[in-house]
Amino acid sequence: MTQQTTLRIAFWLVLVAFLAWDYQHSAPVDLRYEAPLIAAGSGQASQGGHCSMPD
């Protein structure tokens, strides 16, 4: 294998490992607390998004 192929395989392995780790250690997303997509950009104040969700 060439060095470029080895680096490409290493990149994808590290990326997949990071995504698996992140999925295991992240809290699940509750989509009911997200602002509705239809209100995006309408000027209406939403109740809050993920950054203002209560703990």
PDB file of N, CA and C in Angstrom:
ATOM      1  N   MET A   1       0.833  -1.184   0.000  1.00  0.00           N
ATOM      2  CA  MET A   1       0.000   0.000   0.000  1.00  0.00           C
ATOM      3  C   MET A   1       0.875   1.243   0.000  1.00  0.00           C
ATOM      4  N   THR A   2       0.373   2.246  -0.628  1.00  0.00           N
ATOM      5  CA  THR A   2       1.111   3.497  -0.651  1.00  0.00           C
ATOM      6  C   THR A   2       0.809   4.291   0.610  1.00  0.00           C
ATOM      7  N   GLN A   3       1.596   5.314   0.828  1.00  0.00           N
ATOM      8  CA  GLN A   3       1.403   6.147   2.015  1.00  0.00           C
ATOM      9  C   GLN A   3       0.066   6.875   1.955  1.00  0.00           C
ATOM     10  N   GLN A   4      -0.351   7.284   0.755  1.00  0.00           N
ATOM     11  CA  GLN A   4      -1.619   7.997   0.605  1.00  0.00           C
ATOM     12  C   GLN A   4      -2.795   7.086   0.968  1.00  0.00           C
ATOM     13  N   THR A   5      -2.752   5.834   0.556  1.00  0.00           N
ATOM     14  CA  THR A   5      -3.811   4.889   0.895  1.00  0.00           C
ATOM     15  C   THR A   5      -3.845   4.634   2.387  1.00  0.00           C
ATOM     16  N   THR A   6      -2.692   4.507   3.002  1.00  0.00           N
ATOM     17  CA  THR A   6      -2.621   4.289   4.441  1.00  0.00           C
ATOM     18  C   THR A   6      -3.200   5.476   5.208  1.00  0.00           C
ATOM     19  N   LEU A   7      -2.874   6.686   4.794  1.00  0.00           N
ATOM     20  CA  LEU A   7      -3.416   7.869   5.448  1.00  0.00           C
ATOM     21  C   LEU A   7      -4.923   7.973   5.250  1.00  0.00           C
ATOM     22  N   ARG A   8      -5.401   7.615   4.083  1.00  0.00           N
ATOM     23  CA  ARG A   8      -6.832   7.662   3.817  1.00  0.00           C
ATOM     24  C   ARG A   8      -7.579   6.664   4.710  1.00  0.00           C
ATOM     25  N   ILE A   9      -7.062   5.472   4.841  1.00  0.00           N
ATOM     26  CA  ILE A   9      -7.690   4.461   5.703  1.00  0.00           C
ATOM     27  C   ILE A   9      -7.637   4.900   7.159  1.00  0.00           C
ATOM     28  N   ALA A  10      -6.512   5.455   7.591  1.00  0.00           N
ATOM     29  CA  ALA A  10      -6.382   5.928   8.967  1.00  0.00           C
ATOM     30  C   ALA A  10      -7.378   7.053   9.249  1.00  0.00           C
ATOM     31  N   PHE A  11      -7.555   7.960   8.307  1.00  0.00           N
ATOM     32  CA  PHE A  11      -8.513   9.053   8.477  1.00  0.00           C
ATOM     33  C   PHE A  11      -9.916   8.516   8.702  1.00  0.00           C
ATOM     34  N   TRP A  12     -10.354   7.597   7.855  1.00  0.00           N
ATOM     35  CA  TRP A  12     -11.709   7.067   7.983  1.00  0.00           C
ATOM     36  C   TRP A  12     -11.887   6.263   9.258  1.00  0.00           C
ATOM     37  N   LEU A  13     -10.865   5.527   9.670  1.00  0.00           N
ATOM     38  CA  LEU A  13     -10.963   4.774  10.923  1.00  0.00           C
ATOM     39  C   LEU A  13     -11.087   5.710  12.121  1.00  0.00           C
ATOM     40  N   VAL A  14     -10.302   6.772  12.136  1.00  0.00           N
ATOM     41  CA  VAL A  14     -10.375   7.744  13.229  1.00  0.00           C
ATOM     42  C   VAL A  14     -11.723   8.451  13.216  1.00  0.00           C
ATOM     43  N   LEU A  15     -12.220   8.815  12.051  1.00  0.00           N
ATOM     44  CA  LEU A  15     -13.513   9.487  11.962  1.00  0.00           C
ATOM     45  C   LEU A  15     -14.646   8.593  12.448  1.00  0.00           C
ATOM     46  N   VAL A  16     -14.665   7.343  12.036  1.00  0.00           N
ATOM     47  CA  VAL A  16     -15.709   6.409  12.476  1.00  0.00           C
ATOM     48  C   VAL A  16     -15.596   6.155  13.971  1.00  0.00           C
ATOM     49  N   ALA A  17     -14.382   6.035  14.484  1.00  0.00           N
ATOM     50  CA  ALA A  17     -14.197   5.831  15.926  1.00  0.00           C
ATOM     51  C   ALA A  17     -14.692   7.037  16.707  1.00  0.00           C
ATOM     52  N   PHE A  18     -14.421   8.239  16.226  1.00  0.00           N
ATOM     53  CA  PHE A  18     -14.893   9.447  16.905  1.00  0.00           C
ATOM     54  C   PHE A  18     -16.413   9.523  16.895  1.00  0.00           C
ATOM     55  N   LEU A  19     -17.033   9.232  15.752  1.00  0.00           N
ATOM     56  CA  LEU A  19     -18.488   9.277  15.680  1.00  0.00           C
ATOM     57  C   LEU A  19     -19.124   8.239  16.598  1.00  0.00           C
ATOM     58  N   ALA A  20     -18.550   7.057  16.691  1.00  0.00           N
ATOM     59  CA  ALA A  20     -19.070   6.029  17.595  1.00  0.00           C
ATOM     60  C   ALA A  20     -18.926   6.479  19.046  1.00  0.00           C
ATOM     61  N   TRP A  21     -17.770   7.050  19.396  1.00  0.00           N
ATOM     62  CA  TRP A  21     -17.567   7.548  20.762  1.00  0.00           C
ATOM     63  C   TRP A  21     -18.551   8.658  21.089  1.00  0.00           C
ATOM     64  N   ASP A  22     -18.732   9.598  20.158  1.00  0.00           N
ATOM     65  CA  ASP A  22     -19.631  10.723  20.372  1.00  0.00           C
ATOM     66  C   ASP A  22     -21.070  10.248  20.542  1.00  0.00           C
ATOM     67  N   TYR A  23     -21.482   9.281  19.748  1.00  0.00           N
ATOM     68  CA  TYR A  23     -22.842   8.742  19.847  1.00  0.00           C
ATOM     69  C   TYR A  23     -23.067   8.075  21.206  1.00  0.00           C
ATOM     70  N   GLN A  24     -22.063   7.381  21.709  1.00  0.00           N
ATOM     71  CA  GLN A  24     -22.193   6.691  22.992  1.00  0.00           C
ATOM     72  C   GLN A  24     -22.206   7.651  24.176  1.00  0.00           C
ATOM     73  N   HIS A  25     -21.532   8.774  24.081  1.00  0.00           N
ATOM     74  CA  HIS A  25     -21.378   9.685  25.217  1.00  0.00           C
ATOM     75  C   HIS A  25     -22.279  10.912  25.169  1.00  0.00           C
ATOM     76  N   SER A  26     -23.082  11.069  24.133  1.00  0.00           N
ATOM     77  CA  SER A  26     -23.959  12.228  24.013  1.00  0.00           C
ATOM     78  C   SER A  26     -25.352  11.901  24.534  1.00  0.00           C
ATOM     79  N   ALA A  27     -25.976  12.903  25.107  1.00  0.00           N
ATOM     80  CA  ALA A  27     -27.358  12.741  25.547  1.00  0.00           C
ATOM     81  C   ALA A  27     -28.256  12.695  24.309  1.00  0.00           C
ATOM     82  N   PRO A  28     -29.326  11.927  24.372  1.00  0.00           N
ATOM     83  CA  PRO A  28     -30.217  11.875  23.208  1.00  0.00           C
ATOM     84  C   PRO A  28     -30.898  13.224  22.974  1.00  0.00           C
ATOM     85  N   VAL A  29     -31.161  13.535  21.732  1.00  0.00           N
ATOM     86  CA  VAL A  29     -31.799  14.794  21.367  1.00  0.00           C
ATOM     87  C   VAL A  29     -33.309  14.610  21.429  1.00  0.00           C
ATOM     88  N   ASP A  30     -33.977  15.497  22.161  1.00  0.00           N
ATOM     89  CA  ASP A  30     -35.432  15.473  22.239  1.00  0.00           C
ATOM     90  C   ASP A  30     -35.962  16.513  21.267  1.00  0.00           C
ATOM     91  N   LEU A  31     -36.463  16.067  20.133  1.00  0.00           N
ATOM     92  CA  LEU A  31     -36.874  16.987  19.072  1.00  0.00           C
ATOM     93  C   LEU A  31     -38.126  17.765  19.428  1.00  0.00           C
ATOM     94  N   ARG A  32     -38.845  17.378  20.471  1.00  0.00           N
ATOM     95  CA  ARG A  32     -40.061  18.108  20.850  1.00  0.00           C
ATOM     96  C   ARG A  32     -39.741  19.482  21.406  1.00  0.00           C
ATOM     97  N   TYR A  33     -38.524  19.700  21.904  1.00  0.00           N
ATOM     98  CA  TYR A  33     -38.142  20.994  22.444  1.00  0.00           C
ATOM     99  C   TYR A  33     -37.578  21.938  21.386  1.00  0.00           C
ATOM    100  N   GLU A  34     -37.357  21.442  20.178  1.00  0.00           N
ATOM    101  CA  GLU A  34     -36.816  22.277  19.106  1.00  0.00           C
ATOM    102  C   GLU A  34     -37.904  23.182  18.548  1.00  0.00           C
ATOM    103  N   ALA A  35     -37.504  24.323  18.036  1.00  0.00           N
ATOM    104  CA  ALA A  35     -38.457  25.214  17.376  1.00  0.00           C
ATOM    105  C   ALA A  35     -38.935  24.560  16.083  1.00  0.00           C
ATOM    106  N   PRO A  36     -40.202  24.753  15.718  1.00  0.00           N
ATOM    107  CA  PRO A  36     -40.687  24.135  14.484  1.00  0.00           C
ATOM    108  C   PRO A  36     -40.007  24.744  13.266  1.00  0.00           C
ATOM    109  N   LEU A  37     -39.708  23.914  12.290  1.00  0.00           N
ATOM    110  CA  LEU A  37     -39.000  24.377  11.103  1.00  0.00           C
ATOM    111  C   LEU A  37     -39.835  25.378  10.313  1.00  0.00           C
ATOM    112  N   ILE A  38     -41.143  25.248  10.350  1.00  0.00           N
ATOM    113  CA  ILE A  38     -41.998  26.148   9.578  1.00  0.00           C
ATOM    114  C   ILE A  38     -41.904  27.587  10.095  1.00  0.00           C
ATOM    115  N   ALA A  39     -41.502  27.772  11.355  1.00  0.00           N
ATOM    116  CA  ALA A  39     -41.386  29.109  11.925  1.00  0.00           C
ATOM    117  C   ALA A  39     -40.009  29.727  11.691  1.00  0.00           C
ATOM    118  N   ALA A  40     -39.125  29.008  11.032  1.00  0.00           N
ATOM    119  CA  ALA A  40     -37.775  29.517  10.810  1.00  0.00           C
ATOM    120  C   ALA A  40     -37.813  30.719   9.877  1.00  0.00           C
ATOM    121  N   GLY A  41     -37.336  31.855  10.356  1.00  0.00           N
ATOM    122  CA  GLY A  41     -37.262  33.058   9.545  1.00  0.00           C
ATOM    123  C   GLY A  41     -38.566  33.802   9.398  1.00  0.00           C
ATOM    124  N   SER A  42     -39.601  33.397  10.133  1.00  0.00           N
ATOM    125  CA  SER A  42     -40.896  34.053   9.985  1.00  0.00           C
ATOM    126  C   SER A  42     -41.006  35.311  10.833  1.00  0.00           C
ATOM    127  N   GLY A  43     -40.069  35.534  11.727  1.00  0.00           N
ATOM    128  CA  GLY A  43     -40.140  36.673  12.615  1.00  0.00           C
ATOM    129  C   GLY A  43     -40.857  36.369  13.914  1.00  0.00           C
ATOM    130  N   GLN A  44     -41.508  35.223  13.985  1.00  0.00           N
ATOM    131  CA  GLN A  44     -42.180  34.835  15.216  1.00  0.00           C
ATOM    132  C   GLN A  44     -41.148  34.336  16.210  1.00  0.00           C
ATOM    133  N   ALA A  45     -41.358  34.695  17.466  1.00  0.00           N
ATOM    134  CA  ALA A  45     -40.453  34.220  18.517  1.00  0.00           C
ATOM    135  C   ALA A  45     -40.795  32.768  18.841  1.00  0.00           C
ATOM    136  N   SER A  46     -39.803  31.928  18.794  1.00  0.00           N
ATOM    137  CA  SER A  46     -40.039  30.539  19.167  1.00  0.00           C
ATOM    138  C   SER A  46     -39.857  30.379  20.665  1.00  0.00           C
ATOM    139  N   GLN A  47     -40.292  29.271  21.199  1.00  0.00           N
ATOM    140  CA  GLN A  47     -40.174  29.039  22.632  1.00  0.00           C
ATOM    141  C   GLN A  47     -38.743  28.728  23.024  1.00  0.00           C
ATOM    142  N   GLY A  48     -37.936  28.335  22.124  1.00  0.00           N
ATOM    143  CA  GLY A  48     -36.537  28.061  22.427  1.00  0.00           C
ATOM    144  C   GLY A  48     -36.030  26.886  21.627  1.00  0.00           C
ATOM    145  N   GLY A  49     -34.759  26.841  21.494  1.00  0.00           N
ATOM    146  CA  GLY A  49     -34.132  25.746  20.774  1.00  0.00           C
ATOM    147  C   GLY A  49     -33.309  24.899  21.723  1.00  0.00           C
ATOM    148  N   HIS A  50     -32.402  24.158  21.184  1.00  0.00           N
ATOM    149  CA  HIS A  50     -31.615  23.245  21.996  1.00  0.00           C
ATOM    150  C   HIS A  50     -30.720  23.984  22.986  1.00  0.00           C
ATOM    151  N   CYS A  51     -30.341  25.224  22.679  1.00  0.00           N
ATOM    152  CA  CYS A  51     -29.426  25.926  23.560  1.00  0.00           C
ATOM    153  C   CYS A  51     -30.142  26.525  24.751  1.00  0.00           C
ATOM    154  N   SER A  52     -31.471  26.644  24.704  1.00  0.00           N
ATOM    155  CA  SER A  52     -32.211  27.211  25.833  1.00  0.00           C
ATOM    156  C   SER A  52     -33.114  26.178  26.507  1.00  0.00           C
ATOM    157  N   MET A  53     -32.898  24.934  26.180  1.00  0.00           N
ATOM    158  CA  MET A  53     -33.728  23.861  26.734  1.00  0.00           C
ATOM    159  C   MET A  53     -33.420  23.680  28.218  1.00  0.00           C
ATOM    160  N   PRO A  54     -34.441  23.506  29.038  1.00  0.00           N
ATOM    161  CA  PRO A  54     -34.182  23.315  30.463  1.00  0.00           C
ATOM    162  C   PRO A  54     -33.475  21.989  30.733  1.00  0.00           C
ATOM    163  N   ASP A  55     -32.703  21.950  31.791  1.00  0.00           N
ATOM    164  CA  ASP A  55     -31.975  20.722  32.132  1.00  0.00           C
ATOM    165  C   ASP A  55     -32.871  19.690  32.738  1.00  0.00           C
TER     166      ASP A  55
END
